[in-house]
Amino acid sequence: MVVELYLDLLCQPCRSVYIFAKKNNIPFEFKHVELLKGEHLCEEFDKVNLLRKVPALRDGNFTLAESIAILLYLSRKFNTPDHWYPSDVQKRARVDEYLSWQHTAIRGNKCLWALHPFPAERLERAVEDLKSTMKQFEEKFLQDKPFIVGSEISLADLMAIAELMQALGAGWDVFEGRPKLTEWRHRVEEAIGKELFREAHEVLLNARDTGAAPLPLRY
């Protein structure tokens, strides 16, 4: 029995799980849960995840919620290459450090990540927070390294790129005027594979281009 992954590719953690599974040739069945239709709130989905969030995983009788837990489960179950979640204790700690930080830093900026409008005053504060967060990301986590943990892509880079692309999909180009961040993005795309990268983000960017997602003014 293959693993079932309950995903909506409009959602950044879902894209991380999707890319990881596809990149590592993990056999899975894609279960599309449309967030905009509220399918994650139905009673049927409760059987998979009582938290009523995606991504979610079902592996036989075993179910699992939360993107980081799912990524770690898949990496261990399918023995994926070490660079994703290194066995070296210090490199692994760097991945853990970033994954812990992003929840209150990058993911905490709900105004810019959401596909719906917020009041102008709240957006203005969010833009200032975003500038500060991007500065922290570059100076603390990326520094002068090719990737967050060093010379190879890890789960930290995968989660980070999905978050930053979410802002781009909502009309905020976080890469503009940031050459170091832009170069890192290109390296991540190459490591993932450009075709898979486009495939994972197609729904998000189509929503932006067709006007299904609002496009706030650039800062």
C-alpha atoms as a PDB file:
ATOM      1  CA  MET A   1       0.000   0.000   0.000  1.00  0.00           C
ATOM      2  CA  VAL A   2       1.400   3.385  -1.011  1.00  0.00           C
ATOM      3  CA  VAL A   3       1.408   6.378   1.289  1.00  0.00           C
ATOM      4  CA  GLU A   4      -1.548   8.742   0.890  1.00  0.00           C
ATOM      5  CA  LEU A   5      -0.717  12.459   0.968  1.00  0.00           C
ATOM      6  CA  TYR A   6      -3.556  14.925   1.493  1.00  0.00           C
ATOM      7  CA  LEU A   7      -2.483  18.168  -0.135  1.00  0.00           C
ATOM      8  CA  ASP A   8      -3.504  21.441  -1.698  1.00  0.00           C
ATOM      9  CA  LEU A   9      -0.651  22.950  -3.712  1.00  0.00           C
ATOM     10  CA  LEU A  10      -1.904  26.460  -2.961  1.00  0.00           C
ATOM     11  CA  CYS A  11      -0.516  25.769   0.517  1.00  0.00           C
ATOM     12  CA  GLN A  12       3.221  26.217   1.030  1.00  0.00           C
ATOM     13  CA  PRO A  13       3.838  23.298   3.469  1.00  0.00           C
ATOM     14  CA  CYS A  14       1.920  21.034   1.085  1.00  0.00           C
ATOM     15  CA  ARG A  15       4.249  22.007  -1.742  1.00  0.00           C
ATOM     16  CA  SER A  16       7.259  21.147   0.425  1.00  0.00           C
ATOM     17  CA  VAL A  17       5.886  17.666   1.096  1.00  0.00           C
ATOM     18  CA  TYR A  18       4.904  17.182  -2.556  1.00  0.00           C
ATOM     19  CA  ILE A  19       8.322  18.225  -3.869  1.00  0.00           C
ATOM     20  CA  PHE A  20      10.137  16.058  -1.324  1.00  0.00           C
ATOM     21  CA  ALA A  21       8.089  12.972  -2.188  1.00  0.00           C
ATOM     22  CA  LYS A  22       8.429  13.461  -5.950  1.00  0.00           C
ATOM     23  CA  LYS A  23      12.123  14.330  -5.844  1.00  0.00           C
ATOM     24  CA  ASN A  24      12.913  11.208  -3.815  1.00  0.00           C
ATOM     25  CA  ASN A  25      10.717   8.877  -5.891  1.00  0.00           C
ATOM     26  CA  ILE A  26       8.542   8.074  -2.895  1.00  0.00           C
ATOM     27  CA  PRO A  27       5.439   6.186  -4.044  1.00  0.00           C
ATOM     28  CA  PHE A  28       2.351   8.081  -2.934  1.00  0.00           C
ATOM     29  CA  GLU A  29      -1.248   8.735  -3.835  1.00  0.00           C
ATOM     30  CA  PHE A  30      -2.125  12.408  -4.183  1.00  0.00           C
ATOM     31  CA  LYS A  31      -5.356  13.186  -2.312  1.00  0.00           C
ATOM     32  CA  HIS A  32      -6.436  16.682  -3.313  1.00  0.00           C
ATOM     33  CA  VAL A  33      -8.064  18.635  -0.476  1.00  0.00           C
ATOM     34  CA  GLU A  34      -9.341  21.973  -1.788  1.00  0.00           C
ATOM     35  CA  LEU A  35      -8.894  24.512   0.971  1.00  0.00           C
ATOM     36  CA  LEU A  36     -10.898  27.229  -0.791  1.00  0.00           C
ATOM     37  CA  LYS A  37     -13.876  24.867  -0.870  1.00  0.00           C
ATOM     38  CA  GLY A  38     -13.464  23.998   2.797  1.00  0.00           C
ATOM     39  CA  GLU A  39     -12.853  20.315   2.134  1.00  0.00           C
ATOM     40  CA  HIS A  40     -10.457  20.179   5.099  1.00  0.00           C
ATOM     41  CA  LEU A  41     -13.385  20.989   7.402  1.00  0.00           C
ATOM     42  CA  CYS A  42     -15.608  18.064   6.436  1.00  0.00           C
ATOM     43  CA  GLU A  43     -16.243  15.086   8.703  1.00  0.00           C
ATOM     44  CA  GLU A  44     -14.642  12.688   6.241  1.00  0.00           C
ATOM     45  CA  PHE A  45     -11.312  14.510   6.535  1.00  0.00           C
ATOM     46  CA  ASP A  46     -11.498  14.228  10.330  1.00  0.00           C
ATOM     47  CA  LYS A  47     -10.696  10.528   9.886  1.00  0.00           C
ATOM     48  CA  VAL A  48      -7.307  11.570   8.506  1.00  0.00           C
ATOM     49  CA  ASN A  49      -6.543  14.667  10.576  1.00  0.00           C
ATOM     50  CA  LEU A  50      -8.660  15.909  13.453  1.00  0.00           C
ATOM     51  CA  LEU A  51      -6.696  19.160  13.321  1.00  0.00           C
ATOM     52  CA  ARG A  52      -8.439  19.826   9.985  1.00  0.00           C
ATOM     53  CA  LYS A  53      -5.278  21.044   8.273  1.00  0.00           C
ATOM     54  CA  VAL A  54      -3.147  20.000   5.336  1.00  0.00           C
ATOM     55  CA  PRO A  55      -0.764  18.455   4.663  1.00  0.00           C
ATOM     56  CA  ALA A  56      -1.764  15.152   6.187  1.00  0.00           C
ATOM     57  CA  LEU A  57      -0.489  11.622   5.673  1.00  0.00           C
ATOM     58  CA  ARG A  58      -2.027   8.182   5.872  1.00  0.00           C
ATOM     59  CA  ASP A  59       0.180   5.093   5.759  1.00  0.00           C
ATOM     60  CA  GLY A  60      -2.066   2.072   6.234  1.00  0.00           C
ATOM     61  CA  ASN A  61      -3.713   2.580   9.626  1.00  0.00           C
ATOM     62  CA  PHE A  62      -1.191   5.249  10.603  1.00  0.00           C
ATOM     63  CA  THR A  63      -2.069   8.919  10.157  1.00  0.00           C
ATOM     64  CA  LEU A  64       0.134  11.950  10.677  1.00  0.00           C
ATOM     65  CA  ALA A  65      -0.315  15.722  10.685  1.00  0.00           C
ATOM     66  CA  GLU A  66       2.074  18.704  10.428  1.00  0.00           C
ATOM     67  CA  SER A  67       4.432  19.215   7.505  1.00  0.00           C
ATOM     68  CA  ILE A  68       7.731  18.887   9.384  1.00  0.00           C
ATOM     69  CA  ALA A  69       6.654  15.665  11.076  1.00  0.00           C
ATOM     70  CA  ILE A  70       5.545  14.313   7.691  1.00  0.00           C
ATOM     71  CA  LEU A  71       8.827  15.248   6.016  1.00  0.00           C
ATOM     72  CA  LEU A  72      10.844  13.590   8.770  1.00  0.00           C
ATOM     73  CA  TYR A  73       8.655  10.482   8.671  1.00  0.00           C
ATOM     74  CA  LEU A  74       9.093  10.156   4.909  1.00  0.00           C
ATOM     75  CA  SER A  75      12.846  10.740   5.123  1.00  0.00           C
ATOM     76  CA  ARG A  76      13.221   7.957   7.698  1.00  0.00           C
ATOM     77  CA  LYS A  77      10.769   5.477   6.237  1.00  0.00           C
ATOM     78  CA  PHE A  78      12.213   5.744   2.730  1.00  0.00           C
ATOM     79  CA  ASN A  79      15.832   6.317   3.757  1.00  0.00           C
ATOM     80  CA  THR A  80      16.261   9.421   1.622  1.00  0.00           C
ATOM     81  CA  PRO A  81      19.722  10.936   0.951  1.00  0.00           C
ATOM     82  CA  ASP A  82      21.456  12.248   4.043  1.00  0.00           C
ATOM     83  CA  HIS A  83      21.687  15.863   2.875  1.00  0.00           C
ATOM     84  CA  TRP A  84      17.954  16.386   3.394  1.00  0.00           C
ATOM     85  CA  TYR A  85      18.186  15.827   7.157  1.00  0.00           C
ATOM     86  CA  PRO A  86      21.875  15.230   7.894  1.00  0.00           C
ATOM     87  CA  SER A  87      23.091  12.560  10.290  1.00  0.00           C
ATOM     88  CA  ASP A  88      25.880  14.935  11.369  1.00  0.00           C
ATOM     89  CA  VAL A  89      24.600  16.287  14.678  1.00  0.00           C
ATOM     90  CA  GLN A  90      25.588  19.901  14.063  1.00  0.00           C
ATOM     91  CA  LYS A  91      24.252  20.045  10.508  1.00  0.00           C
ATOM     92  CA  ARG A  92      21.002  18.472  11.703  1.00  0.00           C
ATOM     93  CA  ALA A  93      20.831  21.073  14.463  1.00  0.00           C
ATOM     94  CA  ARG A  94      21.080  23.812  11.816  1.00  0.00           C
ATOM     95  CA  VAL A  95      18.102  22.335   9.975  1.00  0.00           C
ATOM     96  CA  ASP A  96      16.178  22.134  13.251  1.00  0.00           C
ATOM     97  CA  GLU A  97      17.153  25.710  14.079  1.00  0.00           C
ATOM     98  CA  TYR A  98      15.727  27.056  10.835  1.00  0.00           C
ATOM     99  CA  LEU A  99      12.555  24.962  11.011  1.00  0.00           C
ATOM    100  CA  SER A 100      11.942  26.246  14.536  1.00  0.00           C
ATOM    101  CA  TRP A 101      12.581  29.880  13.585  1.00  0.00           C
ATOM    102  CA  GLN A 102      10.380  29.996  10.517  1.00  0.00           C
ATOM    103  CA  HIS A 103       7.126  29.377  12.405  1.00  0.00           C
ATOM    104  CA  THR A 104       7.186  32.722  14.185  1.00  0.00           C
ATOM    105  CA  ALA A 105       9.219  34.596  11.562  1.00  0.00           C
ATOM    106  CA  ILE A 106       8.396  33.754   7.953  1.00  0.00           C
ATOM    107  CA  ARG A 107       5.158  31.834   8.541  1.00  0.00           C
ATOM    108  CA  GLY A 108       4.068  34.356  11.158  1.00  0.00           C
ATOM    109  CA  ASN A 109       3.540  37.050   8.505  1.00  0.00           C
ATOM    110  CA  LYS A 110       0.002  36.025   7.605  1.00  0.00           C
ATOM    111  CA  CYS A 111      -0.869  39.273   5.805  1.00  0.00           C
ATOM    112  CA  LEU A 112       1.640  38.820   3.000  1.00  0.00           C
ATOM    113  CA  TRP A 113       1.295  35.077   2.648  1.00  0.00           C
ATOM    114  CA  ALA A 114      -2.502  34.923   2.392  1.00  0.00           C
ATOM    115  CA  LEU A 115      -4.448  34.920  -0.861  1.00  0.00           C
ATOM    116  CA  HIS A 116      -6.951  37.502   0.369  1.00  0.00           C
ATOM    117  CA  PRO A 117      -6.743  41.232   1.230  1.00  0.00           C
ATOM    118  CA  PHE A 118      -5.954  42.791   4.601  1.00  0.00           C
ATOM    119  CA  PRO A 119      -6.435  46.389   5.842  1.00  0.00           C
ATOM    120  CA  ALA A 120      -3.816  48.861   4.509  1.00  0.00           C
ATOM    121  CA  GLU A 121      -2.457  49.711   7.965  1.00  0.00           C
ATOM    122  CA  ARG A 122      -1.907  46.069   8.790  1.00  0.00           C
ATOM    123  CA  LEU A 123      -0.234  45.478   5.428  1.00  0.00           C
ATOM    124  CA  GLU A 124       2.147  48.381   6.019  1.00  0.00           C
ATOM    125  CA  ARG A 125       3.318  46.850   9.297  1.00  0.00           C
ATOM    126  CA  ALA A 126       3.597  43.463   7.636  1.00  0.00           C
ATOM    127  CA  VAL A 127       5.810  44.859   4.868  1.00  0.00           C
ATOM    128  CA  GLU A 128       8.206  46.320   7.435  1.00  0.00           C
ATOM    129  CA  ASP A 129       8.271  42.984   9.256  1.00  0.00           C
ATOM    130  CA  LEU A 130       8.977  41.242   5.963  1.00  0.00           C
ATOM    131  CA  LYS A 131      12.002  43.451   5.247  1.00  0.00           C
ATOM    132  CA  SER A 132      13.408  42.664   8.686  1.00  0.00           C
ATOM    133  CA  THR A 133      12.727  38.943   8.300  1.00  0.00           C
ATOM    134  CA  MET A 134      14.447  38.753   4.906  1.00  0.00           C
ATOM    135  CA  LYS A 135      17.481  40.523   6.384  1.00  0.00           C
ATOM    136  CA  GLN A 136      17.588  37.975   9.216  1.00  0.00           C
ATOM    137  CA  PHE A 137      17.219  35.103   6.757  1.00  0.00           C
ATOM    138  CA  GLU A 138      20.165  36.302   4.680  1.00  0.00           C
ATOM    139  CA  GLU A 139      22.459  37.268   7.565  1.00  0.00           C
ATOM    140  CA  LYS A 140      21.691  34.518  10.077  1.00  0.00           C
ATOM    141  CA  PHE A 141      20.748  31.478   8.023  1.00  0.00           C
ATOM    142  CA  LEU A 142      22.056  31.886   4.482  1.00  0.00           C
ATOM    143  CA  GLN A 143      25.197  33.970   5.137  1.00  0.00           C
ATOM    144  CA  ASP A 144      27.679  33.218   2.328  1.00  0.00           C
ATOM    145  CA  LYS A 145      26.760  29.551   1.942  1.00  0.00           C
ATOM    146  CA  PRO A 146      25.149  28.015  -1.166  1.00  0.00           C
ATOM    147  CA  PHE A 147      22.367  26.566   1.013  1.00  0.00           C
ATOM    148  CA  ILE A 148      21.201  27.045   4.588  1.00  0.00           C
ATOM    149  CA  VAL A 149      23.225  24.129   5.957  1.00  0.00           C
ATOM    150  CA  GLY A 150      26.171  24.367   3.588  1.00  0.00           C
ATOM    151  CA  SER A 151      26.912  22.948   0.170  1.00  0.00           C
ATOM    152  CA  GLU A 152      23.760  20.836  -0.326  1.00  0.00           C
ATOM    153  CA  ILE A 153      20.020  21.384  -0.184  1.00  0.00           C
ATOM    154  CA  SER A 154      18.204  20.339   2.994  1.00  0.00           C
ATOM    155  CA  LEU A 155      14.679  20.313   4.388  1.00  0.00           C
ATOM    156  CA  ALA A 156      15.381  23.849   5.635  1.00  0.00           C
ATOM    157  CA  ASP A 157      15.836  25.145   2.072  1.00  0.00           C
ATOM    158  CA  LEU A 158      12.782  23.233   0.895  1.00  0.00           C
ATOM    159  CA  MET A 159      10.521  24.748   3.542  1.00  0.00           C
ATOM    160  CA  ALA A 160      12.033  28.197   3.005  1.00  0.00           C
ATOM    161  CA  ILE A 161      11.553  28.316  -0.761  1.00  0.00           C
ATOM    162  CA  ALA A 162       7.924  27.218  -0.489  1.00  0.00           C
ATOM    163  CA  GLU A 163       7.244  30.035   1.986  1.00  0.00           C
ATOM    164  CA  LEU A 164       8.937  32.718  -0.099  1.00  0.00           C
ATOM    165  CA  MET A 165       7.205  31.591  -3.279  1.00  0.00           C
ATOM    166  CA  GLN A 166       3.900  31.971  -1.409  1.00  0.00           C
ATOM    167  CA  ALA A 167       4.631  35.674  -1.024  1.00  0.00           C
ATOM    168  CA  LEU A 168       5.457  35.880  -4.737  1.00  0.00           C
ATOM    169  CA  GLY A 169       2.160  34.184  -5.537  1.00  0.00           C
ATOM    170  CA  ALA A 170       0.335  36.776  -3.451  1.00  0.00           C
ATOM    171  CA  GLY A 171       2.046  39.605  -5.331  1.00  0.00           C
ATOM    172  CA  TRP A 172       5.070  40.325  -3.119  1.00  0.00           C
ATOM    173  CA  ASP A 173       8.387  39.826  -4.900  1.00  0.00           C
ATOM    174  CA  VAL A 174      10.663  39.160  -1.946  1.00  0.00           C
ATOM    175  CA  PHE A 175      13.573  38.426  -4.301  1.00  0.00           C
ATOM    176  CA  GLU A 176      13.588  41.846  -5.983  1.00  0.00           C
ATOM    177  CA  GLY A 177      16.633  43.871  -4.979  1.00  0.00           C
ATOM    178  CA  ARG A 178      18.145  40.940  -3.084  1.00  0.00           C
ATOM    179  CA  PRO A 179      20.806  39.322  -5.302  1.00  0.00           C
ATOM    180  CA  LYS A 180      21.998  36.891  -2.619  1.00  0.00           C
ATOM    181  CA  LEU A 181      18.471  35.647  -2.048  1.00  0.00           C
ATOM    182  CA  THR A 182      17.838  35.424  -5.795  1.00  0.00           C
ATOM    183  CA  GLU A 183      20.991  33.377  -6.360  1.00  0.00           C
ATOM    184  CA  TRP A 184      19.966  31.040  -3.526  1.00  0.00           C
ATOM    185  CA  ARG A 185      16.537  30.621  -5.134  1.00  0.00           C
ATOM    186  CA  HIS A 186      18.142  29.614  -8.447  1.00  0.00           C
ATOM    187  CA  ARG A 187      20.360  27.069  -6.683  1.00  0.00           C
ATOM    188  CA  VAL A 188      17.348  25.591  -4.899  1.00  0.00           C
ATOM    189  CA  GLU A 189      15.436  25.359  -8.192  1.00  0.00           C
ATOM    190  CA  GLU A 190      18.378  23.574  -9.812  1.00  0.00           C
ATOM    191  CA  ALA A 191      18.714  21.150  -6.882  1.00  0.00           C
ATOM    192  CA  ILE A 192      14.991  20.339  -6.952  1.00  0.00           C
ATOM    193  CA  GLY A 193      14.797  20.302 -10.740  1.00  0.00           C
ATOM    194  CA  LYS A 194      13.208  23.166 -12.650  1.00  0.00           C
ATOM    195  CA  GLU A 195      10.410  21.044 -14.085  1.00  0.00           C
ATOM    196  CA  LEU A 196       9.336  19.743 -10.666  1.00  0.00           C
ATOM    197  CA  PHE A 197       9.690  23.231  -9.195  1.00  0.00           C
ATOM    198  CA  ARG A 198       7.366  24.689 -11.851  1.00  0.00           C
ATOM    199  CA  GLU A 199       4.927  21.814 -11.460  1.00  0.00           C
ATOM    200  CA  ALA A 200       4.655  22.324  -7.704  1.00  0.00           C
ATOM    201  CA  HIS A 201       4.098  26.092  -7.984  1.00  0.00           C
ATOM    202  CA  GLU A 202       1.922  26.140 -11.087  1.00  0.00           C
ATOM    203  CA  VAL A 203      -1.389  26.351  -9.213  1.00  0.00           C
ATOM    204  CA  LEU A 204      -0.162  29.202  -7.021  1.00  0.00           C
ATOM    205  CA  LEU A 205       1.318  31.278  -9.842  1.00  0.00           C
ATOM    206  CA  ASN A 206      -1.678  30.666 -12.118  1.00  0.00           C
ATOM    207  CA  ALA A 207      -3.942  31.979  -9.359  1.00  0.00           C
ATOM    208  CA  ARG A 208      -1.825  35.120  -9.244  1.00  0.00           C
ATOM    209  CA  ASP A 209      -1.675  35.574 -13.018  1.00  0.00           C
ATOM    210  CA  THR A 210      -5.401  35.064 -13.564  1.00  0.00           C
ATOM    211  CA  GLY A 211      -6.344  37.411 -10.771  1.00  0.00           C
ATOM    212  CA  ALA A 212      -7.777  34.654  -8.569  1.00  0.00           C
ATOM    213  CA  ALA A 213      -5.384  35.913  -5.912  1.00  0.00           C
ATOM    214  CA  PRO A 214      -5.217  39.647  -5.150  1.00  0.00           C
ATOM    215  CA  LEU A 215      -2.051  41.489  -6.106  1.00  0.00           C
ATOM    216  CA  PRO A 216      -1.145  44.038  -3.438  1.00  0.00           C
ATOM    217  CA  LEU A 217       1.155  46.903  -4.395  1.00  0.00           C
ATOM    218  CA  ARG A 218       4.875  46.249  -4.236  1.00  0.00           C
ATOM    219  CA  TYR A 219       6.804  47.941  -1.449  1.00  0.00           C
END
